[in-house]
Amino acid sequence: MEEQVINILLDIKADSGGLKKDVGELKEGQKRMEGRMDRLEENVSELNNRVGRLEDDMSEVKTTVNALADGLLETSREVKQMKGKSAHH
């Protein structure tokens, strides 16, 4: 009977050693995942900054295009007026 108890205790000790090893591996994996998550968060933050700058640039482009369109319309009107005046003279 004592031998059975000793064997059971030895099995429990071996199992707990295996569990400690598994827990250690899980902790290492968790640290790697946390490192990857940190890098991912940094990349997303940088991407957000770049998108913000792109939005600002596009706003400037839109303003410039609108100004050019207005200028072209005004020039077109002026050309029509000049053609109209030269046709009457």
PDB file of N, CA and C in Angstrom:
ATOM      1  N   MET A   1       0.815  -1.192   0.000  1.00  0.00           N
ATOM      2  CA  MET A   1       0.000   0.000   0.000  1.00  0.00           C
ATOM      3  C   MET A   1       0.857   1.253   0.000  1.00  0.00           C
ATOM      4  N   GLU A   2       1.910   1.261   0.852  1.00  0.00           N
ATOM      5  CA  GLU A   2       2.798   2.409   0.896  1.00  0.00           C
ATOM      6  C   GLU A   2       3.455   2.630  -0.457  1.00  0.00           C
ATOM      7  N   GLU A   3       3.768   1.540  -1.137  1.00  0.00           N
ATOM      8  CA  GLU A   3       4.412   1.651  -2.438  1.00  0.00           C
ATOM      9  C   GLU A   3       3.472   2.310  -3.441  1.00  0.00           C
ATOM     10  N   GLN A   4       2.182   1.988  -3.368  1.00  0.00           N
ATOM     11  CA  GLN A   4       1.197   2.611  -4.255  1.00  0.00           C
ATOM     12  C   GLN A   4       1.099   4.106  -3.974  1.00  0.00           C
ATOM     13  N   VAL A   5       1.093   4.473  -2.704  1.00  0.00           N
ATOM     14  CA  VAL A   5       1.018   5.892  -2.327  1.00  0.00           C
ATOM     15  C   VAL A   5       2.260   6.620  -2.846  1.00  0.00           C
ATOM     16  N   ILE A   6       3.423   5.985  -2.680  1.00  0.00           N
ATOM     17  CA  ILE A   6       4.676   6.587  -3.156  1.00  0.00           C
ATOM     18  C   ILE A   6       4.627   6.763  -4.672  1.00  0.00           C
ATOM     19  N   ASN A   7       4.148   5.751  -5.383  1.00  0.00           N
ATOM     20  CA  ASN A   7       4.046   5.843  -6.844  1.00  0.00           C
ATOM     21  C   ASN A   7       3.071   6.944  -7.254  1.00  0.00           C
ATOM     22  N   ILE A   8       1.970   7.047  -6.560  1.00  0.00           N
ATOM     23  CA  ILE A   8       0.988   8.106  -6.863  1.00  0.00           C
ATOM     24  C   ILE A   8       1.620   9.476  -6.617  1.00  0.00           C
ATOM     25  N   LEU A   9       2.331   9.602  -5.506  1.00  0.00           N
ATOM     26  CA  LEU A   9       2.994  10.881  -5.205  1.00  0.00           C
ATOM     27  C   LEU A   9       4.060  11.211  -6.249  1.00  0.00           C
ATOM     28  N   LEU A  10       4.800  10.198  -6.706  1.00  0.00           N
ATOM     29  CA  LEU A  10       5.807  10.417  -7.749  1.00  0.00           C
ATOM     30  C   LEU A  10       5.144  10.836  -9.067  1.00  0.00           C
ATOM     31  N   ASP A  11       3.999  10.210  -9.370  1.00  0.00           N
ATOM     32  CA  ASP A  11       3.249  10.592 -10.579  1.00  0.00           C
ATOM     33  C   ASP A  11       2.771  12.038 -10.477  1.00  0.00           C
ATOM     34  N   ILE A  12       2.267  12.385  -9.297  1.00  0.00           N
ATOM     35  CA  ILE A  12       1.788  13.759  -9.080  1.00  0.00           C
ATOM     36  C   ILE A  12       2.951  14.741  -9.228  1.00  0.00           C
ATOM     37  N   LYS A  13       4.109  14.389  -8.688  1.00  0.00           N
ATOM     38  CA  LYS A  13       5.290  15.255  -8.788  1.00  0.00           C
ATOM     39  C   LYS A  13       5.698  15.410 -10.246  1.00  0.00           C
ATOM     40  N   ALA A  14       5.701  14.331 -10.997  1.00  0.00           N
ATOM     41  CA  ALA A  14       6.060  14.392 -12.423  1.00  0.00           C
ATOM     42  C   ALA A  14       5.045  15.239 -13.188  1.00  0.00           C
ATOM     43  N   ASP A  15       3.763  15.033 -12.872  1.00  0.00           N
ATOM     44  CA  ASP A  15       2.721  15.819 -13.543  1.00  0.00           C
ATOM     45  C   ASP A  15       2.849  17.300 -13.224  1.00  0.00           C
ATOM     46  N   SER A  16       3.156  17.626 -11.973  1.00  0.00           N
ATOM     47  CA  SER A  16       3.276  19.036 -11.599  1.00  0.00           C
ATOM     48  C   SER A  16       4.497  19.661 -12.280  1.00  0.00           C
ATOM     49  N   GLY A  17       5.556  18.867 -12.447  1.00  0.00           N
ATOM     50  CA  GLY A  17       6.731  19.363 -13.181  1.00  0.00           C
ATOM     51  C   GLY A  17       6.378  19.670 -14.627  1.00  0.00           C
ATOM     52  N   GLY A  18       5.606  18.765 -15.234  1.00  0.00           N
ATOM     53  CA  GLY A  18       5.154  18.990 -16.611  1.00  0.00           C
ATOM     54  C   GLY A  18       4.260  20.208 -16.707  1.00  0.00           C
ATOM     55  N   LEU A  19       3.387  20.381 -15.720  1.00  0.00           N
ATOM     56  CA  LEU A  19       2.497  21.544 -15.709  1.00  0.00           C
ATOM     57  C   LEU A  19       3.293  22.840 -15.563  1.00  0.00           C
ATOM     58  N   LYS A  20       4.315  22.821 -14.699  1.00  0.00           N
ATOM     59  CA  LYS A  20       5.155  24.012 -14.534  1.00  0.00           C
ATOM     60  C   LYS A  20       5.829  24.378 -15.856  1.00  0.00           C
ATOM     61  N   LYS A  21       6.303  23.342 -16.551  1.00  0.00           N
ATOM     62  CA  LYS A  21       6.946  23.581 -17.853  1.00  0.00           C
ATOM     63  C   LYS A  21       5.930  24.170 -18.830  1.00  0.00           C
ATOM     64  N   ASP A  22       4.723  23.598 -18.865  1.00  0.00           N
ATOM     65  CA  ASP A  22       3.672  24.090 -19.761  1.00  0.00           C
ATOM     66  C   ASP A  22       3.298  25.535 -19.433  1.00  0.00           C
ATOM     67  N   VAL A  23       3.194  25.843 -18.141  1.00  0.00           N
ATOM     68  CA  VAL A  23       2.869  27.205 -17.717  1.00  0.00           C
ATOM     69  C   VAL A  23       3.992  28.155 -18.150  1.00  0.00           C
ATOM     70  N   GLY A  24       5.224  27.713 -17.993  1.00  0.00           N
ATOM     71  CA  GLY A  24       6.365  28.540 -18.428  1.00  0.00           C
ATOM     72  C   GLY A  24       6.302  28.828 -19.918  1.00  0.00           C
ATOM     73  N   GLU A  25       5.977  27.805 -20.714  1.00  0.00           N
ATOM     74  CA  GLU A  25       5.861  27.990 -22.159  1.00  0.00           C
ATOM     75  C   GLU A  25       4.708  28.933 -22.507  1.00  0.00           C
ATOM     76  N   LEU A  26       3.607  28.791 -21.781  1.00  0.00           N
ATOM     77  CA  LEU A  26       2.466  29.685 -22.003  1.00  0.00           C
ATOM     78  C   LEU A  26       2.831  31.136 -21.681  1.00  0.00           C
ATOM     79  N   LYS A  27       3.572  31.338 -20.595  1.00  0.00           N
ATOM     80  CA  LYS A  27       3.984  32.691 -20.230  1.00  0.00           C
ATOM     81  C   LYS A  27       4.905  33.280 -21.292  1.00  0.00           C
ATOM     82  N   GLU A  28       5.824  32.474 -21.810  1.00  0.00           N
ATOM     83  CA  GLU A  28       6.711  32.940 -22.881  1.00  0.00           C
ATOM     84  C   GLU A  28       5.901  33.311 -24.117  1.00  0.00           C
ATOM     85  N   GLY A  29       4.946  32.471 -24.453  1.00  0.00           N
ATOM     86  CA  GLY A  29       4.080  32.753 -25.595  1.00  0.00           C
ATOM     87  C   GLY A  29       3.282  34.024 -25.379  1.00  0.00           C
ATOM     88  N   GLN A  30       2.804  34.218 -24.173  1.00  0.00           N
ATOM     89  CA  GLN A  30       2.045  35.432 -23.856  1.00  0.00           C
ATOM     90  C   GLN A  30       2.930  36.671 -24.017  1.00  0.00           C
ATOM     91  N   LYS A  31       4.183  36.586 -23.557  1.00  0.00           N
ATOM     92  CA  LYS A  31       5.100  37.720 -23.704  1.00  0.00           C
ATOM     93  C   LYS A  31       5.343  38.030 -25.172  1.00  0.00           C
ATOM     94  N   ARG A  32       5.508  36.975 -25.993  1.00  0.00           N
ATOM     95  CA  ARG A  32       5.702  37.195 -27.436  1.00  0.00           C
ATOM     96  C   ARG A  32       4.469  37.855 -28.041  1.00  0.00           C
ATOM     97  N   MET A  33       3.290  37.376 -27.642  1.00  0.00           N
ATOM     98  CA  MET A  33       2.042  37.956 -28.164  1.00  0.00           C
ATOM     99  C   MET A  33       1.901  39.414 -27.733  1.00  0.00           C
ATOM    100  N   GLU A  34       2.256  39.710 -26.483  1.00  0.00           N
ATOM    101  CA  GLU A  34       2.180  41.089 -26.005  1.00  0.00           C
ATOM    102  C   GLU A  34       3.128  41.982 -26.799  1.00  0.00           C
ATOM    103  N   GLY A  35       4.317  41.466 -27.106  1.00  0.00           N
ATOM    104  CA  GLY A  35       5.271  42.224 -27.931  1.00  0.00           C
ATOM    105  C   GLY A  35       4.711  42.482 -29.317  1.00  0.00           C
ATOM    106  N   ARG A  36       4.094  41.470 -29.890  1.00  0.00           N
ATOM    107  CA  ARG A  36       3.495  41.637 -31.218  1.00  0.00           C
ATOM    108  C   ARG A  36       2.344  42.629 -31.172  1.00  0.00           C
ATOM    109  N   MET A  37       1.545  42.565 -30.114  1.00  0.00           N
ATOM    110  CA  MET A  37       0.430  43.505 -29.974  1.00  0.00           C
ATOM    111  C   MET A  37       0.944  44.933 -29.830  1.00  0.00           C
ATOM    112  N   ASP A  38       2.030  45.111 -29.076  1.00  0.00           N
ATOM    113  CA  ASP A  38       2.617  46.444 -28.939  1.00  0.00           C
ATOM    114  C   ASP A  38       3.059  46.973 -30.299  1.00  0.00           C
ATOM    115  N   ARG A  39       3.724  46.120 -31.080  1.00  0.00           N
ATOM    116  CA  ARG A  39       4.169  46.545 -32.413  1.00  0.00           C
ATOM    117  C   ARG A  39       2.977  46.843 -33.306  1.00  0.00           C
ATOM    118  N   LEU A  40       1.934  46.026 -33.205  1.00  0.00           N
ATOM    119  CA  LEU A  40       0.734  46.252 -34.009  1.00  0.00           C
ATOM    120  C   LEU A  40       0.086  47.581 -33.634  1.00  0.00           C
ATOM    121  N   GLU A  41       0.011  47.864 -32.341  1.00  0.00           N
ATOM    122  CA  GLU A  41      -0.569  49.137 -31.898  1.00  0.00           C
ATOM    123  C   GLU A  41       0.262  50.312 -32.402  1.00  0.00           C
ATOM    124  N   GLU A  42       1.582  50.182 -32.379  1.00  0.00           N
ATOM    125  CA  GLU A  42       2.452  51.240 -32.900  1.00  0.00           C
ATOM    126  C   GLU A  42       2.209  51.432 -34.397  1.00  0.00           C
ATOM    127  N   ASN A  43       2.098  50.325 -35.127  1.00  0.00           N
ATOM    128  CA  ASN A  43       1.861  50.413 -36.571  1.00  0.00           C
ATOM    129  C   ASN A  43       0.512  51.057 -36.871  1.00  0.00           C
ATOM    130  N   VAL A  44      -0.516  50.696 -36.118  1.00  0.00           N
ATOM    131  CA  VAL A  44      -1.848  51.274 -36.326  1.00  0.00           C
ATOM    132  C   VAL A  44      -1.817  52.766 -36.008  1.00  0.00           C
ATOM    133  N   SER A  45      -1.115  53.145 -34.952  1.00  0.00           N
ATOM    134  CA  SER A  45      -0.998  54.552 -34.595  1.00  0.00           C
ATOM    135  C   SER A  45      -0.307  55.333 -35.709  1.00  0.00           C
ATOM    136  N   GLU A  46       0.781  54.788 -36.231  1.00  0.00           N
ATOM    137  CA  GLU A  46       1.495  55.437 -37.342  1.00  0.00           C
ATOM    138  C   GLU A  46       0.596  55.520 -38.571  1.00  0.00           C
ATOM    139  N   LEU A  47      -0.142  54.459 -38.830  1.00  0.00           N
ATOM    140  CA  LEU A  47      -1.060  54.457 -39.971  1.00  0.00           C
ATOM    141  C   LEU A  47      -2.134  55.529 -39.794  1.00  0.00           C
ATOM    142  N   ASN A  48      -2.666  55.662 -38.588  1.00  0.00           N
ATOM    143  CA  ASN A  48      -3.658  56.708 -38.311  1.00  0.00           C
ATOM    144  C   ASN A  48      -3.068  58.094 -38.552  1.00  0.00           C
ATOM    145  N   ASN A  49      -1.828  58.288 -38.116  1.00  0.00           N
ATOM    146  CA  ASN A  49      -1.167  59.578 -38.360  1.00  0.00           C
ATOM    147  C   ASN A  49      -1.018  59.851 -39.852  1.00  0.00           C
ATOM    148  N   ARG A  50      -0.619  58.837 -40.591  1.00  0.00           N
ATOM    149  CA  ARG A  50      -0.435  59.000 -42.036  1.00  0.00           C
ATOM    150  C   ARG A  50      -1.759  59.271 -42.737  1.00  0.00           C
ATOM    151  N   VAL A  51      -2.814  58.587 -42.311  1.00  0.00           N
ATOM    152  CA  VAL A  51      -4.136  58.818 -42.894  1.00  0.00           C
ATOM    153  C   VAL A  51      -4.587  60.252 -42.587  1.00  0.00           C
ATOM    154  N   GLY A  52      -4.320  60.712 -41.378  1.00  0.00           N
ATOM    155  CA  GLY A  52      -4.662  62.088 -41.019  1.00  0.00           C
ATOM    156  C   GLY A  52      -3.953  63.098 -41.911  1.00  0.00           C
ATOM    157  N   ARG A  53      -2.661  62.854 -42.147  1.00  0.00           N
ATOM    158  CA  ARG A  53      -1.911  63.752 -43.041  1.00  0.00           C
ATOM    159  C   ARG A  53      -2.448  63.677 -44.463  1.00  0.00           C
ATOM    160  N   LEU A  54      -2.809  62.478 -44.895  1.00  0.00           N
ATOM    161  CA  LEU A  54      -3.367  62.306 -46.234  1.00  0.00           C
ATOM    162  C   LEU A  54      -4.694  63.052 -46.363  1.00  0.00           C
ATOM    163  N   GLU A  55      -5.519  62.983 -45.329  1.00  0.00           N
ATOM    164  CA  GLU A  55      -6.795  63.719 -45.344  1.00  0.00           C
ATOM    165  C   GLU A  55      -6.543  65.220 -45.438  1.00  0.00           C
ATOM    166  N   ASP A  56      -5.549  65.702 -44.704  1.00  0.00           N
ATOM    167  CA  ASP A  56      -5.210  67.121 -44.780  1.00  0.00           C
ATOM    168  C   ASP A  56      -4.749  67.492 -46.191  1.00  0.00           C
ATOM    169  N   ASP A  57      -3.890  66.646 -46.762  1.00  0.00           N
ATOM    170  CA  ASP A  57      -3.406  66.897 -48.124  1.00  0.00           C
ATOM    171  C   ASP A  57      -4.563  66.898 -49.123  1.00  0.00           C
ATOM    172  N   MET A  58      -5.473  65.955 -48.967  1.00  0.00           N
ATOM    173  CA  MET A  58      -6.609  65.878 -49.899  1.00  0.00           C
ATOM    174  C   MET A  58      -7.505  67.107 -49.750  1.00  0.00           C
ATOM    175  N   SER A  59      -7.639  67.621 -48.550  1.00  0.00           N
ATOM    176  CA  SER A  59      -8.423  68.835 -48.333  1.00  0.00           C
ATOM    177  C   SER A  59      -7.782  70.004 -49.078  1.00  0.00           C
ATOM    178  N   GLU A  60      -6.451  70.083 -49.014  1.00  0.00           N
ATOM    179  CA  GLU A  60      -5.739  71.135 -49.747  1.00  0.00           C
ATOM    180  C   GLU A  60      -5.913  70.960 -51.250  1.00  0.00           C
ATOM    181  N   VAL A  61      -5.831  69.721 -51.725  1.00  0.00           N
ATOM    182  CA  VAL A  61      -6.015  69.456 -53.160  1.00  0.00           C
ATOM    183  C   VAL A  61      -7.420  69.866 -53.582  1.00  0.00           C
ATOM    184  N   LYS A  62      -8.400  69.522 -52.778  1.00  0.00           N
ATOM    185  CA  LYS A  62      -9.794  69.871 -53.092  1.00  0.00           C
ATOM    186  C   LYS A  62      -9.951  71.389 -53.182  1.00  0.00           C
ATOM    187  N   THR A  63      -9.369  72.103 -52.234  1.00  0.00           N
ATOM    188  CA  THR A  63      -9.436  73.566 -52.247  1.00  0.00           C
ATOM    189  C   THR A  63      -8.777  74.119 -53.510  1.00  0.00           C
ATOM    190  N   THR A  64      -7.631  73.575 -53.872  1.00  0.00           N
ATOM    191  CA  THR A  64      -6.913  74.036 -55.066  1.00  0.00           C
ATOM    192  C   THR A  64      -7.716  73.737 -56.329  1.00  0.00           C
ATOM    193  N   VAL A  65      -8.273  72.532 -56.411  1.00  0.00           N
ATOM    194  CA  VAL A  65      -9.070  72.163 -57.586  1.00  0.00           C
ATOM    195  C   VAL A  65     -10.289  73.067 -57.701  1.00  0.00           C
ATOM    196  N   ASN A  66     -10.949  73.339 -56.594  1.00  0.00           N
ATOM    197  CA  ASN A  66     -12.109  74.237 -56.627  1.00  0.00           C
ATOM    198  C   ASN A  66     -11.708  75.633 -57.082  1.00  0.00           C
ATOM    199  N   ALA A  67     -10.578  76.115 -56.595  1.00  0.00           N
ATOM    200  CA  ALA A  67     -10.098  77.442 -57.003  1.00  0.00           C
ATOM    201  C   ALA A  67      -9.778  77.456 -58.493  1.00  0.00           C
ATOM    202  N   LEU A  68      -9.145  76.393 -58.989  1.00  0.00           N
ATOM    203  CA  LEU A  68      -8.842  76.304 -60.423  1.00  0.00           C
ATOM    204  C   LEU A  68     -10.120  76.254 -61.262  1.00  0.00           C
ATOM    205  N   ALA A  69     -11.096  75.484 -60.776  1.00  0.00           N
ATOM    206  CA  ALA A  69     -12.368  75.384 -61.506  1.00  0.00           C
ATOM    207  C   ALA A  69     -13.044  76.751 -61.556  1.00  0.00           C
ATOM    208  N   ASP A  70     -13.061  77.455 -60.438  1.00  0.00           N
ATOM    209  CA  ASP A  70     -13.646  78.797 -60.418  1.00  0.00           C
ATOM    210  C   ASP A  70     -12.900  79.722 -61.377  1.00  0.00           C
ATOM    211  N   GLY A  71     -11.582  79.639 -61.361  1.00  0.00           N
ATOM    212  CA  GLY A  71     -10.771  80.462 -62.271  1.00  0.00           C
ATOM    213  C   GLY A  71     -11.064  80.158 -63.729  1.00  0.00           C
ATOM    214  N   LEU A  72     -11.203  78.877 -64.046  1.00  0.00           N
ATOM    215  CA  LEU A  72     -11.506  78.500 -65.437  1.00  0.00           C
ATOM    216  C   LEU A  72     -12.877  79.005 -65.860  1.00  0.00           C
ATOM    217  N   LEU A  73     -13.852  78.920 -64.980  1.00  0.00           N
ATOM    218  CA  LEU A  73     -15.191  79.433 -65.304  1.00  0.00           C
ATOM    219  C   LEU A  73     -15.148  80.937 -65.539  1.00  0.00           C
ATOM    220  N   GLU A  74     -14.431  81.626 -64.684  1.00  0.00           N
ATOM    221  CA  GLU A  74     -14.307  83.090 -64.837  1.00  0.00           C
ATOM    222  C   GLU A  74     -13.606  83.432 -66.143  1.00  0.00           C
ATOM    223  N   THR A  75     -12.540  82.702 -66.443  1.00  0.00           N
ATOM    224  CA  THR A  75     -11.804  82.941 -67.693  1.00  0.00           C
ATOM    225  C   THR A  75     -12.693  82.663 -68.896  1.00  0.00           C
ATOM    226  N   SER A  76     -13.471  81.585 -68.810  1.00  0.00           N
ATOM    227  CA  SER A  76     -14.385  81.252 -69.897  1.00  0.00           C
ATOM    228  C   SER A  76     -15.394  82.372 -70.114  1.00  0.00           C
ATOM    229  N   ARG A  77     -15.935  82.920 -69.042  1.00  0.00           N
ATOM    230  CA  ARG A  77     -16.884  84.039 -69.158  1.00  0.00           C
ATOM    231  C   ARG A  77     -16.212  85.257 -69.786  1.00  0.00           C
ATOM    232  N   GLU A  78     -14.980  85.522 -69.350  1.00  0.00           N
ATOM    233  CA  GLU A  78     -14.258  86.676 -69.895  1.00  0.00           C
ATOM    234  C   GLU A  78     -13.985  86.496 -71.389  1.00  0.00           C
ATOM    235  N   VAL A  79     -13.628  85.280 -71.784  1.00  0.00           N
ATOM    236  CA  VAL A  79     -13.366  85.009 -73.205  1.00  0.00           C
ATOM    237  C   VAL A  79     -14.642  85.215 -74.011  1.00  0.00           C
ATOM    238  N   LYS A  80     -15.769  84.733 -73.500  1.00  0.00           N
ATOM    239  CA  LYS A  80     -17.042  84.922 -74.198  1.00  0.00           C
ATOM    240  C   LYS A  80     -17.375  86.406 -74.332  1.00  0.00           C
ATOM    241  N   GLN A  81     -17.113  87.166 -73.269  1.00  0.00           N
ATOM    242  CA  GLN A  81     -17.379  88.605 -73.319  1.00  0.00           C
ATOM    243  C   GLN A  81     -16.495  89.278 -74.360  1.00  0.00           C
ATOM    244  N   MET A  82     -15.213  88.880 -74.381  1.00  0.00           N
ATOM    245  CA  MET A  82     -14.291  89.484 -75.346  1.00  0.00           C
ATOM    246  C   MET A  82     -14.687  89.120 -76.770  1.00  0.00           C
ATOM    247  N   LYS A  83     -15.111  87.892 -77.001  1.00  0.00           N
ATOM    248  CA  LYS A  83     -15.557  87.479 -78.342  1.00  0.00           C
ATOM    249  C   LYS A  83     -16.800  88.262 -78.729  1.00  0.00           C
ATOM    250  N   GLY A  84     -17.684  88.464 -77.772  1.00  0.00           N
ATOM    251  CA  GLY A  84     -18.911  89.206 -78.042  1.00  0.00           C
ATOM    252  C   GLY A  84     -18.617  90.653 -78.395  1.00  0.00           C
ATOM    253  N   LYS A  85     -17.653  91.269 -77.706  1.00  0.00           N
ATOM    254  CA  LYS A  85     -17.294  92.663 -77.971  1.00  0.00           C
ATOM    255  C   LYS A  85     -16.609  92.784 -79.309  1.00  0.00           C
ATOM    256  N   SER A  86     -15.718  91.825 -79.639  1.00  0.00           N
ATOM    257  CA  SER A  86     -14.991  91.933 -80.913  1.00  0.00           C
ATOM    258  C   SER A  86     -15.928  91.619 -82.087  1.00  0.00           C
ATOM    259  N   ALA A  87     -16.970  90.890 -81.892  1.00  0.00           N
ATOM    260  CA  ALA A  87     -17.921  90.599 -82.974  1.00  0.00           C
ATOM    261  C   ALA A  87     -18.760  91.817 -83.275  1.00  0.00           C
ATOM    262  N   HIS A  88     -18.978  92.665 -82.288  1.00  0.00           N
ATOM    263  CA  HIS A  88     -19.789  93.865 -82.490  1.00  0.00           C
ATOM    264  C   HIS A  88     -18.997  95.006 -83.102  1.00  0.00           C
ATOM    265  N   HIS A  89     -17.709  94.958 -83.033  1.00  0.00           N
ATOM    266  CA  HIS A  89     -16.889  96.068 -83.553  1.00  0.00           C
ATOM    267  C   HIS A  89     -16.504  95.875 -84.958  1.00  0.00           C
TER     268      HIS A  89
END
